[in-house]
Amino acid sequence: MSLSFHHFEVDVNFMETSGKTVQRTYVAGASITTAGELSTAWALALPKVVAMSDSKISSYSYKIVYVEDALTLPSAAENNNQGLLSGKILGDPTDSAIVSIPAIKASLMVSPTGKGYDVVDTGDAAVLAFVKMFDSGETEGDWVISDGESWEWETVSGRRRNTRSSNS
């Protein structure tokens, strides 16, 4: 795998009168090659975007886009074969969160066949490392689940779900 820098983008959320939002992405040109240049260019572009819409800009975020420059397709990956991990929210044992993993590896299931094939092995080292990313009580817990929450990794369980495939 060899991911290399491709370009920067700015995702902008526009909020209408009803409170609904729509997102638009603005792709930076090839002349913008650093985060500092992106910030400067966006500071100049933002007033021009604001002048075009009655909606309010409720938020925007910068993205650095990397692409695989030597892509080969995997032999047996299906994104609709998902692993669902569910755990209790840190500090609120009545609330839980779910994180999904597309094309979960078969080796991360409890067994290669039978009922165990539908259960994520939460004792697996790779699963534990991933789960602990979302536990702010852990040294590696620098990531949050959706709305800024963390979970207690000890409460996480997992299962396999197969969703219907889309053509995209």
Protein backbone atom coordinates (compact mmCIF):
# COMPACT_ATOMS: atom_id res chain seq x y z
CA MET A 1 0.00 0.00 0.00
CA SER A 2 1.39 3.34 -1.03
CA LEU A 3 -0.84 6.30 -0.29
CA SER A 4 0.39 9.66 -1.53
CA PHE A 5 -0.90 13.22 -1.22
CA HIS A 6 -3.41 14.11 -3.94
CA HIS A 7 -5.15 17.36 -2.94
CA PHE A 8 -6.93 19.36 -0.24
CA GLU A 9 -10.69 19.84 0.10
CA VAL A 10 -12.98 21.97 2.24
CA ASP A 11 -16.34 20.46 3.26
CA VAL A 12 -18.90 23.19 3.97
CA ASN A 13 -22.25 22.66 5.70
CA PHE A 14 -25.01 25.10 4.74
CA MET A 15 -27.98 25.40 7.14
CA GLU A 16 -31.36 26.56 5.85
CA THR A 17 -34.25 28.21 7.72
CA SER A 18 -35.73 24.86 8.80
CA GLY A 19 -32.43 23.76 10.36
CA LYS A 20 -31.67 21.19 7.66
CA THR A 21 -28.14 21.13 6.30
CA VAL A 22 -26.58 20.29 2.99
CA GLN A 23 -22.87 19.77 2.37
CA ARG A 24 -20.77 21.01 -0.51
CA THR A 25 -17.13 20.18 -1.14
CA TYR A 26 -14.69 22.66 -2.63
CA VAL A 27 -11.53 21.11 -4.06
CA ALA A 28 -8.33 23.15 -3.83
CA GLY A 29 -6.26 23.56 -6.97
CA ALA A 30 -2.86 21.98 -7.51
CA SER A 31 -1.08 25.18 -6.47
CA ILE A 32 -2.18 24.62 -2.85
CA THR A 33 0.26 22.09 -1.40
CA THR A 34 0.35 22.81 2.35
CA ALA A 35 -2.21 23.17 5.13
CA GLY A 36 -1.08 26.77 5.63
CA GLU A 37 -1.73 27.59 1.98
CA LEU A 38 -5.15 25.94 2.25
CA SER A 39 -6.03 28.01 5.30
CA THR A 40 -4.97 31.23 3.57
CA ALA A 41 -6.80 30.37 0.34
CA TRP A 42 -9.98 29.42 2.24
CA ALA A 43 -9.89 32.67 4.23
CA LEU A 44 -10.04 34.47 0.86
CA ALA A 45 -12.69 32.14 -0.64
CA LEU A 46 -15.06 31.96 2.34
CA PRO A 47 -16.56 35.47 1.94
CA LYS A 48 -17.20 34.71 -1.74
CA VAL A 49 -19.06 31.51 -0.83
CA VAL A 50 -21.06 33.31 1.89
CA ALA A 51 -22.10 35.97 -0.64
CA MET A 52 -23.69 33.32 -2.87
CA SER A 53 -26.16 31.70 -0.45
CA ASP A 54 -29.00 32.74 1.86
CA SER A 55 -28.17 29.73 4.04
CA LYS A 56 -25.76 30.11 6.94
CA ILE A 57 -22.51 28.22 6.95
CA SER A 58 -22.88 26.13 10.09
CA SER A 59 -19.46 24.50 9.85
CA TYR A 60 -16.60 23.66 7.56
CA SER A 61 -13.69 21.27 7.72
CA TYR A 62 -10.42 20.79 5.90
CA LYS A 63 -9.52 17.46 4.34
CA ILE A 64 -6.23 16.16 3.06
CA VAL A 65 -6.91 13.59 0.34
CA TYR A 66 -4.46 10.75 -0.20
CA VAL A 67 -4.85 8.20 -2.97
CA GLU A 68 -3.40 4.75 -3.51
CA ASP A 69 -1.04 5.13 -6.44
CA ALA A 70 -0.59 1.39 -7.03
CA LEU A 71 -4.09 0.08 -6.36
CA THR A 72 -4.83 -3.61 -6.76
CA LEU A 73 -8.28 -4.88 -5.85
CA PRO A 74 -8.56 -7.31 -2.94
CA SER A 75 -9.55 -10.84 -3.89
CA ALA A 76 -12.44 -11.40 -1.46
CA ALA A 77 -13.54 -8.14 0.15
CA GLU A 78 -17.24 -7.20 0.25
CA ASN A 79 -18.08 -3.87 1.90
CA ASN A 80 -21.64 -5.01 2.55
CA ASN A 81 -20.25 -7.73 4.86
CA GLN A 82 -19.90 -5.50 7.93
CA GLY A 83 -18.68 -5.91 11.46
CA LEU A 84 -20.82 -4.01 13.97
CA LEU A 85 -19.21 -3.13 17.28
CA SER A 86 -21.50 -1.90 20.06
CA GLY A 87 -20.44 -0.56 23.45
CA LYS A 88 -21.68 1.48 26.40
CA ILE A 89 -20.90 5.20 26.42
CA LEU A 90 -18.26 6.26 28.95
CA GLY A 91 -20.04 7.87 31.89
CA ASP A 92 -23.55 6.89 30.75
CA PRO A 93 -24.21 3.16 31.06
CA THR A 94 -27.74 3.60 29.68
CA ASP A 95 -26.46 4.84 26.31
CA SER A 96 -24.52 2.93 23.68
CA ALA A 97 -22.80 3.55 20.36
CA ILE A 98 -22.19 1.46 17.25
CA VAL A 99 -19.20 1.56 14.93
CA SER A 100 -19.31 -0.40 11.65
CA ILE A 101 -16.38 -1.86 9.75
CA PRO A 102 -16.88 -2.57 6.04
CA ALA A 103 -15.57 -5.89 4.70
CA ILE A 104 -14.58 -7.15 8.15
CA LYS A 105 -11.83 -9.76 7.96
CA ALA A 106 -13.04 -13.34 8.42
CA SER A 107 -10.09 -13.94 10.76
CA LEU A 108 -11.65 -11.46 13.23
CA MET A 109 -14.73 -13.63 13.74
CA VAL A 110 -15.00 -16.12 16.62
CA SER A 111 -14.89 -19.07 14.18
CA PRO A 112 -14.61 -19.58 10.41
CA THR A 113 -18.00 -21.35 10.17
CA GLY A 114 -21.28 -21.73 12.02
CA LYS A 115 -22.76 -19.33 14.55
CA GLY A 116 -19.29 -18.09 15.55
CA TYR A 117 -18.85 -16.67 12.05
CA ASP A 118 -21.49 -14.07 12.93
CA VAL A 119 -19.70 -12.94 16.12
CA VAL A 120 -16.73 -10.54 16.17
CA ASP A 121 -13.91 -11.84 18.39
CA THR A 122 -13.51 -8.92 20.82
CA GLY A 123 -10.57 -10.72 22.42
CA ASP A 124 -8.56 -10.54 19.19
CA ALA A 125 -5.58 -8.15 19.48
CA ALA A 126 -6.51 -6.25 16.30
CA VAL A 127 -10.11 -5.80 17.46
CA LEU A 128 -8.99 -4.65 20.93
CA ALA A 129 -6.57 -2.13 19.45
CA PHE A 130 -9.32 -0.73 17.21
CA VAL A 131 -11.91 -0.63 20.02
CA LYS A 132 -9.54 1.14 22.43
CA MET A 133 -9.09 3.98 19.91
CA PHE A 134 -12.56 5.19 21.00
CA ASP A 135 -12.07 4.91 24.79
CA SER A 136 -10.84 8.23 26.21
CA GLY A 137 -9.78 6.38 29.37
CA GLU A 138 -7.08 4.57 27.39
CA THR A 139 -3.73 6.05 26.32
CA GLU A 140 -4.55 5.34 22.66
CA GLY A 141 -8.12 6.69 22.96
CA ASP A 142 -7.67 9.82 20.85
CA TRP A 143 -10.76 9.25 18.68
CA VAL A 144 -14.45 9.86 19.37
CA ILE A 145 -17.62 8.18 18.20
CA SER A 146 -19.91 10.38 16.05
CA ASP A 147 -20.99 13.16 18.42
CA GLY A 148 -17.86 13.35 20.55
CA GLU A 149 -18.53 10.42 22.84
CA SER A 150 -16.22 7.64 23.99
CA TRP A 151 -17.12 4.13 24.99
CA GLU A 152 -15.92 1.76 27.68
CA TRP A 153 -13.94 -0.79 25.69
CA GLU A 154 -14.71 -3.56 28.19
CA THR A 155 -18.44 -3.34 27.26
CA VAL A 156 -17.96 -3.73 23.51
CA SER A 157 -19.43 -6.70 21.69
CA GLY A 158 -19.62 -7.36 17.98
CA ARG A 159 -21.55 -9.17 15.31
CA ARG A 160 -21.53 -9.52 11.55
CA ARG A 161 -24.21 -7.89 9.40
CA ASN A 162 -24.70 -8.28 5.69
CA THR A 163 -26.33 -5.31 3.97
CA ARG A 164 -27.62 -5.19 0.48
CA SER A 165 -25.07 -4.14 -2.10
CA SER A 166 -25.38 -0.92 -4.05
CA ASN A 167 -23.95 -0.30 -7.49
CA SER A 168 -21.66 2.51 -6.37
